[in-house]
Amino acid sequence: MIDLTELKEQVVAANRALVSSDLVTLTWGNVSGIDREAGLVVIKPSGVPYEELTPDHLPVLDLEGKQISGDLNPSSDTKTHLHLYRNFPDLGGVVHTHSPSATAFSQAGRSLPCLGTTHADHFSGTVPIAPALTAAQIERDYEHETGVSIVELFEKLALNPLEIPAVLLQHHAPFTWGKTPQKAVENAVALEMCCQMALSSYALNPDLKALPDYLLRKHHERKHGPNAYYGQKSR
């Protein structure tokens, strides 16, 4: 169990990590975290520089978007975060950035195939591209419909959001997530690096094919599977 004070500290640290990880420019990104037991979400306030963030700055909302505490407006992407939390119950943190290489794939309308073992260590296959929203969706509720588009895509493709903890949004940029805010940031770092390596790989070999499934499975399972042996066992 995590208390709200600790969650706020985690979310501040995760937002600042976007800067130290070179994932954001200006204020182009946000991190949220959720207290599942209380049903409360803590998120970066809109437009506030990362270096100025303190736990007291962070808005707290319920899963329907009602602001419970905090004087500052929440991130403009809040409705997307909330829809992901409502529909992906294992999520503990969500990240949105405009990191350059992942955003390049998003703007190009390209999914990110698994081209090598680095990708397979983090994502169990292709990171999908969510289709562009229609004019009607944008007019109706842009940020909410963005979340709807992501969830519908994962349902259509029968993807486990913890095995593919990322999505690329056509014309827009990436979202990532994880069991904690920090893990969601780590997945954002991994996505950006995999996109960067893919761009270089395609430049060297435009006909490059995806990693064979047996090798993808081996690398992903050795780190995330039931018999994972990467890292150290807790004593």
Protein backbone atom coordinates (compact mmCIF):
# COMPACT_ATOMS: atom_id res chain seq x y z
CA MET A 1 0.00 0.00 0.00
CA ILE A 2 1.26 3.51 -0.84
CA ASP A 3 0.09 6.72 0.82
CA LEU A 4 -0.71 9.85 -1.15
CA THR A 5 2.32 11.76 0.15
CA GLU A 6 4.67 9.06 -1.08
CA LEU A 7 2.85 8.85 -4.43
CA LYS A 8 3.21 12.62 -4.92
CA GLU A 9 6.94 12.36 -4.25
CA GLN A 10 7.22 9.53 -6.77
CA VAL A 11 5.34 11.53 -9.40
CA VAL A 12 7.53 14.62 -8.86
CA ALA A 13 10.67 12.47 -9.18
CA ALA A 14 9.31 10.76 -12.30
CA ASN A 15 8.48 14.09 -13.96
CA ARG A 16 11.96 15.39 -13.22
CA ALA A 17 13.40 12.17 -14.64
CA LEU A 18 11.88 13.09 -18.01
CA VAL A 19 14.32 16.00 -18.10
CA SER A 20 17.40 14.09 -16.96
CA SER A 21 16.56 11.35 -19.49
CA ASP A 22 16.36 13.88 -22.36
CA LEU A 23 12.76 12.93 -23.10
CA VAL A 24 11.26 16.41 -22.92
CA THR A 25 11.81 19.92 -24.22
CA LEU A 26 10.21 22.92 -22.49
CA THR A 27 7.16 21.36 -20.73
CA TRP A 28 6.31 18.82 -23.45
CA GLY A 29 5.49 15.87 -21.24
CA ASN A 30 3.82 14.66 -18.08
CA VAL A 31 3.75 11.77 -15.64
CA SER A 32 0.93 10.59 -13.42
CA GLY A 33 0.55 7.92 -10.76
CA ILE A 34 -2.43 6.23 -9.18
CA ASP A 35 -3.39 5.04 -5.72
CA ARG A 36 -5.57 2.10 -6.76
CA GLU A 37 -6.99 1.49 -3.29
CA ALA A 38 -8.16 5.09 -2.95
CA GLY A 39 -9.00 5.50 -6.63
CA LEU A 40 -7.00 8.74 -6.80
CA VAL A 41 -4.66 9.97 -9.52
CA VAL A 42 -1.78 12.42 -9.03
CA ILE A 43 -0.57 14.22 -12.15
CA LYS A 44 1.74 17.02 -13.25
CA PRO A 45 0.07 20.44 -13.37
CA SER A 46 -0.29 21.98 -16.80
CA GLY A 47 2.60 24.09 -18.06
CA VAL A 48 4.63 24.15 -14.84
CA PRO A 49 8.42 23.79 -15.40
CA TYR A 50 9.77 20.50 -14.08
CA GLU A 51 12.44 22.13 -11.92
CA GLU A 52 9.75 24.06 -10.04
CA LEU A 53 7.60 21.04 -9.19
CA THR A 54 6.95 20.14 -5.57
CA PRO A 55 4.51 17.57 -4.16
CA ASP A 56 2.20 20.40 -3.10
CA HIS A 57 1.86 21.51 -6.73
CA LEU A 58 0.36 18.22 -7.90
CA PRO A 59 -3.38 18.06 -8.55
CA VAL A 60 -5.21 15.02 -7.18
CA LEU A 61 -8.24 13.72 -9.07
CA ASP A 62 -10.63 10.81 -8.83
CA LEU A 63 -10.98 8.43 -11.76
CA GLU A 64 -13.90 10.42 -13.15
CA GLY A 65 -11.81 13.57 -13.32
CA LYS A 66 -13.12 15.46 -10.28
CA GLN A 67 -10.28 17.46 -8.72
CA ILE A 68 -10.01 16.48 -5.07
CA SER A 69 -7.12 18.72 -4.07
CA GLY A 70 -4.53 21.12 -5.48
CA ASP A 71 -4.85 24.70 -6.66
CA LEU A 72 -3.25 24.24 -10.10
CA ASN A 73 -4.90 22.94 -13.25
CA PRO A 74 -3.93 19.35 -14.09
CA SER A 75 -2.14 18.43 -17.30
CA SER A 76 -4.12 18.99 -20.47
CA ASP A 77 -3.63 15.25 -21.14
CA THR A 78 -5.36 14.23 -17.90
CA LYS A 79 -8.42 12.69 -19.54
CA THR A 80 -6.19 10.37 -21.57
CA HIS A 81 -4.37 9.23 -18.42
CA LEU A 82 -7.67 8.64 -16.62
CA HIS A 83 -9.14 6.57 -19.44
CA LEU A 84 -6.03 4.37 -19.48
CA TYR A 85 -6.26 3.84 -15.72
CA ARG A 86 -9.94 2.97 -15.92
CA ASN A 87 -9.40 0.38 -18.65
CA PHE A 88 -5.94 -1.02 -17.89
CA PRO A 89 -6.25 -2.01 -14.21
CA ASP A 90 -2.62 -3.11 -13.78
CA LEU A 91 -1.24 0.34 -14.55
CA GLY A 92 0.35 2.33 -11.73
CA GLY A 93 1.89 5.14 -13.78
CA VAL A 94 1.42 6.79 -17.18
CA VAL A 95 3.84 8.96 -19.17
CA HIS A 96 3.32 11.19 -22.19
CA THR A 97 6.27 12.80 -23.97
CA HIS A 98 7.21 14.27 -27.32
CA SER A 99 10.62 12.59 -27.35
CA PRO A 100 12.14 13.15 -30.82
CA SER A 101 12.54 9.67 -32.31
CA ALA A 102 9.29 8.23 -30.96
CA THR A 103 7.49 11.35 -32.11
CA ALA A 104 9.04 10.94 -35.56
CA PHE A 105 7.47 7.47 -35.82
CA SER A 106 4.17 8.92 -34.56
CA GLN A 107 4.16 11.79 -37.04
CA ALA A 108 5.03 9.41 -39.86
CA GLY A 109 2.16 7.12 -38.90
CA ARG A 110 4.55 4.19 -38.46
CA SER A 111 4.39 1.44 -35.87
CA LEU A 112 7.69 0.28 -34.36
CA PRO A 113 8.53 -3.31 -35.34
CA CYS A 114 10.78 -5.38 -33.12
CA LEU A 115 14.04 -5.19 -35.07
CA GLY A 116 16.44 -6.48 -32.43
CA THR A 117 16.94 -7.92 -28.98
CA THR A 118 17.11 -4.52 -27.27
CA HIS A 119 13.50 -3.92 -28.30
CA ALA A 120 12.52 -7.47 -27.30
CA ASP A 121 13.92 -6.93 -23.81
CA HIS A 122 11.27 -4.25 -23.21
CA PHE A 123 8.38 -4.82 -25.63
CA SER A 124 7.01 -8.21 -26.62
CA GLY A 125 6.52 -7.27 -30.26
CA THR A 126 5.56 -4.30 -32.39
CA VAL A 127 4.69 -1.06 -30.61
CA PRO A 128 1.46 -0.15 -32.42
CA ILE A 129 0.40 3.10 -34.02
CA ALA A 130 -3.03 4.39 -33.03
CA PRO A 131 -4.96 5.90 -35.93
CA ALA A 132 -5.48 9.62 -36.25
CA LEU A 133 -8.62 10.93 -34.58
CA THR A 134 -11.44 12.17 -36.74
CA ALA A 135 -12.60 15.78 -36.71
CA ALA A 136 -15.73 14.66 -34.85
CA GLN A 137 -13.68 12.91 -32.14
CA ILE A 138 -11.48 15.96 -31.67
CA GLU A 139 -14.48 18.25 -31.45
CA ARG A 140 -16.28 15.91 -29.04
CA ASP A 141 -13.47 15.55 -26.47
CA TYR A 142 -9.94 15.40 -27.84
CA GLU A 143 -8.05 14.10 -24.80
CA HIS A 144 -10.72 11.58 -23.77
CA GLU A 145 -11.03 10.29 -27.33
CA THR A 146 -7.26 9.88 -27.45
CA GLY A 147 -7.54 7.47 -24.53
CA VAL A 148 -10.48 5.70 -26.17
CA SER A 149 -8.44 5.25 -29.35
CA ILE A 150 -5.56 3.66 -27.43
CA VAL A 151 -7.78 1.26 -25.49
CA GLU A 152 -9.75 0.25 -28.60
CA LEU A 153 -6.51 -0.40 -30.48
CA PHE A 154 -5.17 -2.70 -27.74
CA GLU A 155 -8.50 -4.55 -27.60
CA LYS A 156 -8.59 -4.92 -31.39
CA LEU A 157 -5.03 -6.28 -31.49
CA ALA A 158 -5.53 -8.38 -28.33
CA LEU A 159 -2.44 -6.81 -26.75
CA ASN A 160 -1.52 -7.07 -23.09
CA PRO A 161 -0.67 -3.51 -21.98
CA LEU A 162 2.02 -4.77 -19.61
CA GLU A 163 3.73 -6.72 -22.40
CA ILE A 164 3.50 -3.79 -24.82
CA PRO A 165 3.65 -0.84 -22.37
CA ALA A 166 3.67 1.83 -25.08
CA VAL A 167 1.74 3.24 -28.01
CA LEU A 168 2.45 5.73 -30.79
CA LEU A 169 -0.30 8.18 -31.73
CA GLN A 170 -0.52 9.19 -35.39
CA HIS A 171 0.20 12.92 -35.90
CA HIS A 172 0.97 13.20 -32.19
CA ALA A 173 3.49 11.45 -29.92
CA PRO A 174 3.94 8.44 -27.60
CA PHE A 175 2.36 7.31 -24.35
CA THR A 176 3.99 4.73 -22.12
CA TRP A 177 2.98 3.18 -18.82
CA GLY A 178 4.02 0.71 -16.15
CA LYS A 179 3.26 -0.63 -12.69
CA THR A 180 4.77 2.50 -11.12
CA PRO A 181 5.44 6.04 -12.34
CA GLN A 182 9.18 5.29 -12.45
CA LYS A 183 8.62 2.14 -14.49
CA ALA A 184 6.49 4.13 -16.92
CA VAL A 185 9.42 6.56 -17.33
CA GLU A 186 11.82 3.65 -17.90
CA ASN A 187 9.52 2.40 -20.64
CA ALA A 188 9.51 5.88 -22.19
CA VAL A 189 13.33 5.83 -22.21
CA ALA A 190 13.34 2.35 -23.77
CA LEU A 191 10.82 3.37 -26.43
CA GLU A 192 12.80 6.46 -27.42
CA MET A 193 16.04 4.48 -27.69
CA CYS A 194 14.40 1.70 -29.70
CA CYS A 195 12.91 4.27 -32.09
CA GLN A 196 16.28 5.97 -32.43
CA MET A 197 18.02 2.67 -33.19
CA ALA A 198 15.29 1.71 -35.65
CA LEU A 199 15.73 4.95 -37.58
CA SER A 200 19.45 4.26 -37.88
CA SER A 201 18.87 0.62 -38.79
CA TYR A 202 16.42 1.50 -41.54
CA ALA A 203 18.88 4.07 -42.89
CA LEU A 204 21.51 1.33 -43.17
CA ASN A 205 19.12 -1.32 -44.48
CA PRO A 206 15.70 -0.13 -45.76
CA ASP A 207 14.65 -3.75 -46.32
CA LEU A 208 15.30 -4.79 -42.73
CA LYS A 209 12.90 -7.45 -41.42
CA ALA A 210 11.55 -7.88 -37.92
CA LEU A 211 13.32 -10.08 -35.40
CA PRO A 212 12.40 -13.78 -35.67
CA ASP A 213 9.66 -14.60 -33.20
CA TYR A 214 11.66 -17.34 -31.45
CA LEU A 215 14.44 -14.86 -30.60
CA LEU A 216 11.96 -12.16 -29.60
CA ARG A 217 10.24 -14.61 -27.24
CA LYS A 218 13.53 -15.75 -25.72
CA HIS A 219 14.71 -12.24 -24.91
CA HIS A 220 11.37 -11.02 -23.60
CA GLU A 221 10.69 -14.11 -21.48
CA ARG A 222 14.14 -14.22 -19.91
CA LYS A 223 13.44 -10.77 -18.48
CA HIS A 224 9.67 -10.81 -17.94
CA GLY A 225 8.46 -14.42 -18.14
CA PRO A 226 7.50 -16.77 -15.30
CA ASN A 227 10.99 -18.29 -15.33
CA ALA A 228 12.84 -15.00 -15.85
CA TYR A 229 16.49 -15.11 -14.94
CA TYR A 230 17.61 -11.56 -15.75
CA GLY A 231 18.83 -9.54 -12.75
CA GLN A 232 19.08 -10.56 -9.12
CA LYS A 233 16.60 -12.58 -7.10
CA SER A 234 15.38 -10.93 -3.88
CA ARG A 235 16.49 -12.87 -0.82
